N, C-alpha and C. Protein backbone atom coordinates (compact mmCIF):
# COMPACT_ATOMS: atom_id res chain seq x y z
N MET A 1 76.62 81.97 35.55
CA MET A 1 75.30 81.66 35.06
C MET A 1 75.35 80.49 34.08
N LEU A 2 76.36 80.48 33.19
CA LEU A 2 76.46 79.39 32.24
C LEU A 2 76.74 78.07 32.95
N LYS A 3 77.54 78.14 34.02
CA LYS A 3 77.84 76.94 34.77
C LYS A 3 76.55 76.37 35.38
N PHE A 4 75.66 77.25 35.89
CA PHE A 4 74.37 76.84 36.45
C PHE A 4 73.50 76.19 35.37
N LEU A 5 73.45 76.80 34.17
CA LEU A 5 72.64 76.25 33.08
C LEU A 5 73.15 74.88 32.65
N ARG A 6 74.47 74.74 32.54
CA ARG A 6 75.02 73.45 32.15
C ARG A 6 74.75 72.39 33.21
N LYS A 7 74.83 72.77 34.46
CA LYS A 7 74.67 71.81 35.54
C LYS A 7 73.22 71.31 35.63
N TYR A 8 72.23 72.19 35.48
CA TYR A 8 70.82 71.82 35.62
C TYR A 8 70.06 71.80 34.29
N GLN A 9 70.78 71.56 33.21
CA GLN A 9 70.19 71.58 31.86
C GLN A 9 69.07 70.53 31.74
N LYS A 10 69.30 69.33 32.18
CA LYS A 10 68.30 68.26 32.07
C LYS A 10 67.06 68.56 32.92
N TRP A 11 67.27 69.08 34.12
CA TRP A 11 66.14 69.39 34.98
C TRP A 11 65.29 70.53 34.41
N MET A 12 65.96 71.53 33.85
CA MET A 12 65.22 72.64 33.24
C MET A 12 64.43 72.16 32.02
N LEU A 13 65.00 71.22 31.25
CA LEU A 13 64.30 70.65 30.09
C LEU A 13 63.05 69.90 30.54
N VAL A 14 63.17 69.13 31.62
CA VAL A 14 62.02 68.40 32.15
C VAL A 14 60.94 69.36 32.62
N VAL A 15 61.31 70.41 33.35
CA VAL A 15 60.34 71.38 33.85
C VAL A 15 59.68 72.13 32.69
N PHE A 16 60.46 72.54 31.71
CA PHE A 16 59.92 73.27 30.55
C PHE A 16 58.96 72.39 29.76
N CYS A 17 59.33 71.13 29.51
CA CYS A 17 58.44 70.22 28.76
C CYS A 17 57.17 69.93 29.56
N GLY A 18 57.30 69.78 30.86
CA GLY A 18 56.11 69.56 31.69
C GLY A 18 55.17 70.75 31.66
N ALA A 19 55.73 71.96 31.75
CA ALA A 19 54.90 73.17 31.69
C ALA A 19 54.24 73.31 30.32
N LEU A 20 54.96 72.98 29.27
CA LEU A 20 54.42 73.05 27.93
C LEU A 20 53.27 72.04 27.76
N MET A 21 53.46 70.84 28.28
CA MET A 21 52.43 69.81 28.19
C MET A 21 51.17 70.25 28.96
N VAL A 22 51.35 70.79 30.13
CA VAL A 22 50.21 71.26 30.92
C VAL A 22 49.50 72.41 30.20
N ALA A 23 50.26 73.28 29.58
CA ALA A 23 49.66 74.42 28.87
C ALA A 23 48.79 73.96 27.71
N PHE A 24 49.14 72.86 27.06
CA PHE A 24 48.33 72.37 25.96
C PHE A 24 47.17 71.50 26.43
N LEU A 25 47.29 70.85 27.57
CA LEU A 25 46.24 69.97 28.05
C LEU A 25 45.13 70.69 28.81
N ILE A 26 45.42 71.78 29.45
CA ILE A 26 44.40 72.49 30.25
C ILE A 26 43.23 72.97 29.38
N PRO A 27 43.45 73.62 28.23
CA PRO A 27 42.28 74.02 27.43
C PRO A 27 41.45 72.83 26.95
N GLN A 28 42.11 71.71 26.65
CA GLN A 28 41.36 70.51 26.24
C GLN A 28 40.47 70.02 27.38
N ALA A 29 41.01 69.98 28.58
CA ALA A 29 40.24 69.49 29.72
C ALA A 29 39.08 70.44 30.04
N VAL A 30 39.32 71.72 29.95
CA VAL A 30 38.27 72.70 30.24
C VAL A 30 37.13 72.56 29.24
N SER A 31 37.46 72.41 27.95
CA SER A 31 36.41 72.27 26.94
C SER A 31 35.67 70.95 27.07
N GLN A 32 36.35 69.92 27.54
CA GLN A 32 35.70 68.63 27.70
C GLN A 32 34.70 68.65 28.86
N PHE A 33 35.01 69.35 29.92
CA PHE A 33 34.12 69.38 31.07
C PHE A 33 33.14 70.55 31.04
N ALA A 34 33.23 71.40 30.04
CA ALA A 34 32.29 72.52 29.91
C ALA A 34 30.93 71.96 29.48
N PRO A 35 29.86 72.63 29.80
CA PRO A 35 28.54 72.13 29.42
C PRO A 35 28.35 72.17 27.90
N ASN A 36 27.67 71.16 27.39
CA ASN A 36 27.39 71.06 25.96
C ASN A 36 26.15 71.92 25.65
N PRO A 37 26.28 72.92 24.75
CA PRO A 37 25.12 73.78 24.48
C PRO A 37 23.95 73.02 23.87
N ALA A 38 24.21 71.92 23.17
CA ALA A 38 23.12 71.16 22.56
C ALA A 38 22.27 70.47 23.61
N LYS A 39 22.84 70.19 24.78
CA LYS A 39 22.10 69.52 25.85
C LYS A 39 21.45 70.50 26.81
N GLN A 40 21.55 71.78 26.52
CA GLN A 40 20.95 72.79 27.38
C GLN A 40 19.43 72.65 27.36
N VAL A 41 18.82 72.60 28.52
CA VAL A 41 17.37 72.45 28.64
C VAL A 41 16.72 73.81 28.43
N LEU A 42 15.82 73.88 27.45
CA LEU A 42 15.12 75.13 27.16
C LEU A 42 13.75 75.19 27.81
N ALA A 43 13.12 74.03 27.99
CA ALA A 43 11.78 74.01 28.57
C ALA A 43 11.57 72.67 29.26
N THR A 44 10.63 72.66 30.18
CA THR A 44 10.23 71.43 30.86
C THR A 44 8.72 71.35 30.79
N THR A 45 8.22 70.19 30.40
CA THR A 45 6.78 70.01 30.28
C THR A 45 6.18 69.68 31.64
N TYR A 46 4.86 69.65 31.70
CA TYR A 46 4.17 69.42 32.97
C TYR A 46 4.47 68.05 33.56
N ASP A 47 4.81 67.07 32.71
CA ASP A 47 5.09 65.73 33.22
C ASP A 47 6.57 65.51 33.50
N GLY A 48 7.37 66.57 33.47
CA GLY A 48 8.77 66.49 33.84
C GLY A 48 9.72 66.20 32.69
N GLN A 49 9.23 66.02 31.48
CA GLN A 49 10.10 65.80 30.33
C GLN A 49 10.75 67.13 29.95
N THR A 50 11.96 67.04 29.43
CA THR A 50 12.69 68.26 29.06
C THR A 50 12.77 68.38 27.54
N ILE A 51 12.91 69.62 27.11
CA ILE A 51 13.11 69.93 25.69
C ILE A 51 14.47 70.60 25.59
N THR A 52 15.38 69.98 24.84
CA THR A 52 16.74 70.49 24.73
C THR A 52 16.91 71.36 23.50
N ARG A 53 18.01 72.09 23.48
CA ARG A 53 18.32 72.95 22.34
C ARG A 53 18.48 72.13 21.06
N ALA A 54 19.12 70.96 21.14
CA ALA A 54 19.31 70.11 19.95
C ALA A 54 17.96 69.64 19.41
N GLU A 55 17.04 69.26 20.30
CA GLU A 55 15.71 68.82 19.87
C GLU A 55 14.95 69.98 19.21
N MET A 56 15.08 71.17 19.75
CA MET A 56 14.42 72.34 19.15
C MET A 56 14.96 72.63 17.76
N GLN A 57 16.28 72.54 17.58
CA GLN A 57 16.87 72.79 16.27
C GLN A 57 16.42 71.74 15.26
N ARG A 58 16.41 70.48 15.68
CA ARG A 58 15.98 69.40 14.79
C ARG A 58 14.52 69.58 14.41
N THR A 59 13.69 69.91 15.37
CA THR A 59 12.26 70.09 15.11
C THR A 59 12.01 71.33 14.26
N SER A 60 12.78 72.37 14.47
CA SER A 60 12.64 73.57 13.65
C SER A 60 12.92 73.25 12.18
N ALA A 61 13.94 72.43 11.94
CA ALA A 61 14.24 72.02 10.56
C ALA A 61 13.11 71.17 10.00
N ASP A 62 12.51 70.30 10.84
CA ASP A 62 11.38 69.49 10.39
C ASP A 62 10.19 70.35 10.00
N VAL A 63 9.88 71.35 10.81
CA VAL A 63 8.74 72.23 10.53
C VAL A 63 8.98 73.02 9.24
N GLN A 64 10.22 73.48 9.04
CA GLN A 64 10.53 74.20 7.81
C GLN A 64 10.34 73.30 6.59
N LEU A 65 10.76 72.04 6.70
CA LEU A 65 10.59 71.10 5.58
C LEU A 65 9.12 70.78 5.36
N LEU A 66 8.35 70.66 6.43
CA LEU A 66 6.91 70.43 6.27
C LEU A 66 6.26 71.59 5.53
N ARG A 67 6.71 72.81 5.81
CA ARG A 67 6.17 73.97 5.08
C ARG A 67 6.57 73.93 3.62
N GLN A 68 7.79 73.50 3.33
CA GLN A 68 8.24 73.41 1.94
C GLN A 68 7.47 72.35 1.16
N LEU A 69 7.01 71.31 1.85
CA LEU A 69 6.27 70.25 1.17
C LEU A 69 4.89 70.71 0.71
N ARG A 70 4.43 71.83 1.22
CA ARG A 70 3.15 72.43 0.80
C ARG A 70 1.95 71.53 1.08
N PHE A 71 1.74 71.25 2.35
CA PHE A 71 0.57 70.47 2.73
C PHE A 71 -0.72 71.25 2.52
N GLU A 72 -0.60 72.55 2.23
CA GLU A 72 -1.81 73.34 2.00
C GLU A 72 -2.53 72.90 0.74
N SER A 73 -1.85 72.11 -0.13
CA SER A 73 -2.50 71.65 -1.36
C SER A 73 -3.64 70.68 -1.05
N ILE A 74 -3.61 70.07 0.13
CA ILE A 74 -4.72 69.20 0.56
C ILE A 74 -5.58 70.01 1.52
N PRO A 75 -6.86 70.18 1.23
CA PRO A 75 -7.72 70.96 2.11
C PRO A 75 -7.77 70.38 3.51
N ALA A 76 -7.91 71.25 4.48
CA ALA A 76 -8.08 70.91 5.89
C ALA A 76 -6.84 70.32 6.54
N LEU A 77 -5.71 70.37 5.88
CA LEU A 77 -4.47 69.90 6.50
C LEU A 77 -3.58 71.09 6.77
N SER A 78 -3.94 71.86 7.75
CA SER A 78 -3.17 73.06 8.08
C SER A 78 -2.82 73.09 9.54
N ILE A 79 -2.28 71.99 10.03
CA ILE A 79 -1.99 71.90 11.46
C ILE A 79 -0.58 72.36 11.79
N ILE A 80 0.24 72.67 10.80
CA ILE A 80 1.60 73.13 11.06
C ILE A 80 1.53 74.48 11.77
N PRO A 81 2.20 74.63 12.91
CA PRO A 81 2.12 75.88 13.67
C PRO A 81 2.61 77.08 12.87
N GLN A 82 1.94 78.20 13.01
CA GLN A 82 2.31 79.46 12.34
C GLN A 82 2.27 80.58 13.37
N THR A 83 3.22 80.58 14.29
CA THR A 83 3.23 81.60 15.33
C THR A 83 4.02 82.83 14.93
N GLY A 84 4.83 82.72 13.90
CA GLY A 84 5.67 83.84 13.49
C GLY A 84 7.09 83.72 13.99
N SER A 85 7.35 82.78 14.86
CA SER A 85 8.68 82.57 15.41
C SER A 85 9.06 81.10 15.19
N GLU A 86 10.26 80.86 14.63
CA GLU A 86 10.70 79.49 14.39
C GLU A 86 10.77 78.71 15.69
N ARG A 87 11.26 79.36 16.72
CA ARG A 87 11.40 78.69 18.02
C ARG A 87 10.04 78.31 18.59
N ASP A 88 9.07 79.22 18.51
CA ASP A 88 7.73 78.92 19.02
C ASP A 88 7.04 77.85 18.18
N ASP A 89 7.25 77.88 16.85
CA ASP A 89 6.68 76.85 15.99
C ASP A 89 7.24 75.48 16.35
N ALA A 90 8.55 75.42 16.57
CA ALA A 90 9.19 74.15 16.93
C ALA A 90 8.68 73.67 18.29
N LEU A 91 8.55 74.58 19.24
CA LEU A 91 8.05 74.21 20.56
C LEU A 91 6.61 73.69 20.48
N ALA A 92 5.78 74.36 19.70
CA ALA A 92 4.39 73.92 19.54
C ALA A 92 4.34 72.54 18.90
N TRP A 93 5.18 72.29 17.90
CA TRP A 93 5.20 70.99 17.22
C TRP A 93 5.66 69.89 18.17
N ILE A 94 6.67 70.17 18.98
CA ILE A 94 7.14 69.18 19.96
C ILE A 94 6.03 68.85 20.95
N LEU A 95 5.34 69.87 21.43
CA LEU A 95 4.27 69.64 22.41
C LEU A 95 3.10 68.86 21.80
N ILE A 96 2.78 69.14 20.55
CA ILE A 96 1.72 68.39 19.87
C ILE A 96 2.12 66.93 19.74
N GLN A 97 3.37 66.69 19.31
CA GLN A 97 3.83 65.31 19.13
C GLN A 97 3.85 64.55 20.46
N ARG A 98 4.29 65.20 21.52
CA ARG A 98 4.34 64.53 22.82
C ARG A 98 2.95 64.25 23.37
N ALA A 99 2.03 65.19 23.18
CA ALA A 99 0.66 64.97 23.65
C ALA A 99 0.00 63.85 22.86
N ALA A 100 0.26 63.78 21.56
CA ALA A 100 -0.30 62.71 20.74
C ALA A 100 0.27 61.36 21.16
N LYS A 101 1.56 61.32 21.43
CA LYS A 101 2.19 60.08 21.88
C LYS A 101 1.61 59.66 23.23
N HIS A 102 1.39 60.62 24.10
CA HIS A 102 0.81 60.34 25.41
C HIS A 102 -0.59 59.73 25.27
N ASN A 103 -1.33 60.15 24.25
CA ASN A 103 -2.68 59.64 24.01
C ASN A 103 -2.69 58.37 23.16
N GLY A 104 -1.51 57.86 22.81
CA GLY A 104 -1.43 56.60 22.09
C GLY A 104 -1.75 56.71 20.61
N LEU A 105 -1.62 57.87 20.03
CA LEU A 105 -1.92 58.04 18.61
C LEU A 105 -0.71 57.65 17.77
N GLY A 106 -0.96 57.15 16.58
CA GLY A 106 0.14 56.75 15.70
C GLY A 106 -0.35 56.66 14.27
N ALA A 107 0.60 56.44 13.38
CA ALA A 107 0.29 56.32 11.96
C ALA A 107 1.19 55.25 11.37
N SER A 108 0.69 54.55 10.38
CA SER A 108 1.48 53.50 9.75
C SER A 108 2.38 54.11 8.67
N ARG A 109 3.35 53.34 8.28
CA ARG A 109 4.29 53.77 7.22
C ARG A 109 3.53 53.96 5.91
N GLN A 110 2.57 53.07 5.62
CA GLN A 110 1.83 53.15 4.37
C GLN A 110 0.96 54.40 4.33
N GLU A 111 0.33 54.74 5.45
CA GLU A 111 -0.48 55.96 5.51
C GLU A 111 0.39 57.19 5.27
N ALA A 112 1.58 57.19 5.89
CA ALA A 112 2.49 58.32 5.71
C ALA A 112 2.97 58.41 4.27
N PHE A 113 3.28 57.26 3.67
CA PHE A 113 3.70 57.28 2.26
C PHE A 113 2.58 57.79 1.37
N ASN A 114 1.35 57.34 1.63
CA ASN A 114 0.21 57.81 0.83
C ASN A 114 0.03 59.32 0.94
N LEU A 115 0.20 59.86 2.14
CA LEU A 115 0.08 61.30 2.34
C LEU A 115 1.17 62.04 1.56
N ILE A 116 2.42 61.60 1.72
CA ILE A 116 3.53 62.25 1.02
C ILE A 116 3.35 62.12 -0.49
N ALA A 117 2.92 60.95 -0.95
CA ALA A 117 2.71 60.74 -2.39
C ALA A 117 1.62 61.66 -2.91
N THR A 118 0.57 61.87 -2.12
CA THR A 118 -0.51 62.77 -2.53
C THR A 118 -0.02 64.21 -2.60
N VAL A 119 0.74 64.62 -1.59
CA VAL A 119 1.22 66.00 -1.55
C VAL A 119 2.19 66.27 -2.69
N LEU A 120 3.08 65.31 -2.96
CA LEU A 120 4.10 65.50 -4.00
C LEU A 120 3.65 65.03 -5.38
N GLY A 121 2.50 64.38 -5.46
CA GLY A 121 2.00 63.89 -6.74
C GLY A 121 2.81 62.72 -7.26
N LEU A 122 3.13 61.76 -6.41
CA LEU A 122 3.96 60.61 -6.78
C LEU A 122 3.10 59.36 -6.95
N GLN A 123 3.66 58.38 -7.67
CA GLN A 123 2.97 57.12 -7.87
C GLN A 123 3.66 55.95 -7.16
N GLU A 124 4.98 55.98 -7.05
CA GLU A 124 5.70 54.84 -6.48
C GLU A 124 6.84 55.31 -5.59
N PHE A 125 7.38 54.35 -4.82
CA PHE A 125 8.40 54.68 -3.83
C PHE A 125 9.71 55.14 -4.46
N GLU A 126 10.09 54.59 -5.60
CA GLU A 126 11.35 54.97 -6.23
C GLU A 126 11.38 56.46 -6.58
N SER A 127 10.26 56.97 -7.01
CA SER A 127 10.22 58.40 -7.36
C SER A 127 10.25 59.27 -6.10
N LEU A 128 9.89 58.71 -4.94
CA LEU A 128 9.94 59.47 -3.70
C LEU A 128 11.38 59.84 -3.36
N ASP A 129 12.31 58.90 -3.51
CA ASP A 129 13.72 59.20 -3.22
C ASP A 129 14.25 60.27 -4.15
N GLU A 130 13.88 60.21 -5.41
CA GLU A 130 14.33 61.23 -6.37
C GLU A 130 13.77 62.59 -6.01
N ARG A 131 12.51 62.63 -5.65
CA ARG A 131 11.86 63.90 -5.32
C ARG A 131 12.36 64.45 -3.98
N ALA A 132 12.70 63.54 -3.06
CA ALA A 132 13.20 63.96 -1.75
C ALA A 132 14.53 64.69 -1.86
N LYS A 133 15.32 64.33 -2.87
CA LYS A 133 16.62 64.99 -3.06
C LYS A 133 16.44 66.47 -3.35
N GLN A 134 15.33 66.85 -3.93
CA GLN A 134 15.05 68.27 -4.20
C GLN A 134 14.91 69.05 -2.90
N PHE A 135 14.48 68.36 -1.86
CA PHE A 135 14.31 69.02 -0.55
C PHE A 135 15.52 68.81 0.36
N GLY A 136 16.55 68.15 -0.14
CA GLY A 136 17.74 67.89 0.67
C GLY A 136 17.52 66.82 1.72
N ALA A 137 16.69 65.85 1.42
CA ALA A 137 16.37 64.78 2.36
C ALA A 137 16.33 63.46 1.61
N ASN A 138 15.98 62.39 2.33
CA ASN A 138 15.75 61.11 1.68
C ASN A 138 14.30 60.69 1.87
N GLY A 139 13.89 59.65 1.18
CA GLY A 139 12.49 59.23 1.22
C GLY A 139 12.02 58.81 2.60
N GLU A 140 12.87 58.09 3.33
CA GLU A 140 12.49 57.64 4.68
C GLU A 140 12.26 58.82 5.62
N TYR A 141 13.06 59.85 5.46
CA TYR A 141 12.90 61.05 6.30
C TYR A 141 11.55 61.71 6.00
N LEU A 142 11.19 61.78 4.72
CA LEU A 142 9.89 62.36 4.36
C LEU A 142 8.75 61.52 4.90
N ILE A 143 8.92 60.19 4.89
CA ILE A 143 7.88 59.33 5.44
C ILE A 143 7.75 59.55 6.94
N GLN A 144 8.87 59.72 7.64
CA GLN A 144 8.82 60.02 9.08
C GLN A 144 8.09 61.34 9.33
N LEU A 145 8.36 62.34 8.48
CA LEU A 145 7.63 63.62 8.62
C LEU A 145 6.15 63.42 8.35
N GLY A 146 5.82 62.57 7.39
CA GLY A 146 4.42 62.26 7.11
C GLY A 146 3.75 61.61 8.31
N LYS A 147 4.46 60.72 8.99
CA LYS A 147 3.92 60.10 10.20
C LYS A 147 3.67 61.15 11.28
N GLN A 148 4.64 62.04 11.46
CA GLN A 148 4.46 63.11 12.45
C GLN A 148 3.23 63.95 12.12
N TYR A 149 3.08 64.26 10.84
CA TYR A 149 1.97 65.09 10.42
C TYR A 149 0.63 64.39 10.67
N LEU A 150 0.57 63.11 10.32
CA LEU A 150 -0.68 62.36 10.53
C LEU A 150 -1.01 62.23 12.02
N VAL A 151 -0.01 62.03 12.85
CA VAL A 151 -0.24 61.94 14.28
C VAL A 151 -0.75 63.29 14.82
N ALA A 152 -0.16 64.37 14.33
CA ALA A 152 -0.61 65.70 14.76
C ALA A 152 -2.05 65.96 14.30
N GLU A 153 -2.39 65.49 13.12
CA GLU A 153 -3.76 65.65 12.61
C GLU A 153 -4.74 64.84 13.45
N GLN A 154 -4.34 63.62 13.82
CA GLN A 154 -5.20 62.80 14.69
C GLN A 154 -5.40 63.47 16.04
N TYR A 155 -4.34 64.07 16.54
CA TYR A 155 -4.44 64.76 17.83
C TYR A 155 -5.37 65.96 17.73
N ARG A 156 -5.28 66.71 16.63
CA ARG A 156 -6.17 67.85 16.43
C ARG A 156 -7.62 67.39 16.38
N GLN A 157 -7.85 66.27 15.69
CA GLN A 157 -9.21 65.74 15.61
C GLN A 157 -9.70 65.27 16.98
N LEU A 158 -8.81 64.68 17.76
CA LEU A 158 -9.18 64.22 19.09
C LEU A 158 -9.55 65.39 19.99
N VAL A 159 -8.76 66.45 19.92
CA VAL A 159 -8.98 67.61 20.78
C VAL A 159 -10.21 68.40 20.35
N SER A 160 -10.35 68.61 19.04
CA SER A 160 -11.46 69.45 18.57
C SER A 160 -12.77 68.68 18.47
N GLY A 161 -12.71 67.36 18.36
CA GLY A 161 -13.93 66.58 18.21
C GLY A 161 -14.49 66.62 16.81
N VAL A 162 -13.72 67.14 15.86
CA VAL A 162 -14.17 67.22 14.48
C VAL A 162 -13.21 66.42 13.62
N GLU A 163 -13.77 65.55 12.78
CA GLU A 163 -12.93 64.76 11.90
C GLU A 163 -13.10 65.25 10.47
N TYR A 164 -11.98 65.54 9.83
CA TYR A 164 -12.01 65.97 8.44
C TYR A 164 -11.69 64.78 7.57
N SER A 165 -12.47 64.57 6.54
CA SER A 165 -12.19 63.49 5.60
C SER A 165 -12.23 64.05 4.19
N LEU A 166 -11.38 63.52 3.35
CA LEU A 166 -11.35 63.98 1.97
C LEU A 166 -12.57 63.47 1.23
N PRO A 167 -13.12 64.25 0.30
CA PRO A 167 -14.30 63.80 -0.43
C PRO A 167 -13.95 62.70 -1.42
N ALA A 168 -14.97 62.04 -1.94
CA ALA A 168 -14.75 60.99 -2.93
C ALA A 168 -14.14 61.59 -4.19
N GLU A 169 -13.47 60.75 -4.96
CA GLU A 169 -12.79 61.22 -6.17
C GLU A 169 -13.76 61.81 -7.19
N ASP A 170 -14.98 61.26 -7.27
CA ASP A 170 -15.91 61.73 -8.29
C ASP A 170 -16.73 62.94 -7.85
N ALA A 171 -16.50 63.42 -6.64
CA ALA A 171 -17.26 64.57 -6.16
C ALA A 171 -16.83 65.83 -6.89
N GLU A 172 -17.78 66.66 -7.19
CA GLU A 172 -17.47 67.90 -7.89
C GLU A 172 -16.86 68.93 -6.94
N VAL A 173 -17.23 68.87 -5.69
CA VAL A 173 -16.73 69.82 -4.71
C VAL A 173 -15.42 69.28 -4.14
N ARG A 174 -14.41 70.13 -4.10
CA ARG A 174 -13.09 69.70 -3.63
C ARG A 174 -12.84 70.02 -2.16
N SER A 175 -13.81 70.53 -1.46
CA SER A 175 -13.61 70.83 -0.04
C SER A 175 -13.83 69.55 0.76
N PRO A 176 -13.20 69.43 1.91
CA PRO A 176 -13.32 68.20 2.69
C PRO A 176 -14.68 68.10 3.37
N GLY A 177 -15.07 66.89 3.63
CA GLY A 177 -16.32 66.66 4.34
C GLY A 177 -16.08 66.78 5.84
N LEU A 178 -17.12 67.12 6.56
CA LEU A 178 -17.03 67.26 8.03
C LEU A 178 -17.89 66.18 8.68
N ARG A 179 -17.33 65.56 9.68
CA ARG A 179 -18.09 64.60 10.48
C ARG A 179 -17.81 64.89 11.94
N ARG A 180 -18.80 64.77 12.76
CA ARG A 180 -18.60 64.94 14.21
C ARG A 180 -18.18 63.60 14.79
N VAL A 181 -17.19 63.63 15.63
CA VAL A 181 -16.73 62.42 16.29
C VAL A 181 -17.48 62.31 17.61
N VAL A 182 -18.10 61.20 17.85
CA VAL A 182 -18.85 60.99 19.09
C VAL A 182 -17.86 60.56 20.16
N ALA A 183 -17.79 61.32 21.22
CA ALA A 183 -16.89 60.98 22.33
C ALA A 183 -17.50 59.87 23.15
N MET A 184 -16.77 58.84 23.38
CA MET A 184 -17.27 57.69 24.15
C MET A 184 -16.95 57.93 25.61
């Protein structure tokens, strides 16, 4: 037996190293070709667009931050979904955003900043970055959320046919004014 081992020592070393290499590479290859859970499609809209798990998680975090910002401090701005389920809230928010985009609705950066500044009680952009750190975000991210919120509000107004406007500063009543939008 020892004579056999000495004679084929190099060949056995090559076979052993090859088997060892294959044993370490197979799990890597399997994990690389396995499906990515973040790209898993959770829903498909009527126009064929898909909603992935990663998009749902990102949107769920956005909705949670919108709730933390307390948009309820401004009357008539309660468009954030409240279904009782984070997943359903995120799905509703994605569908609202996509429908608004389909209808060509948008908001400017200045409008979004004004909304965020009103909600947080800010005067200038520098204080927005400081205040955003309290929420674990940066100022640009809050402005993007403000844009999303304004677009969703425009979509709600488009669908319902009712436009809510804030009253003048000198008005004694703090409730928003109502105007009917005439459909053309």
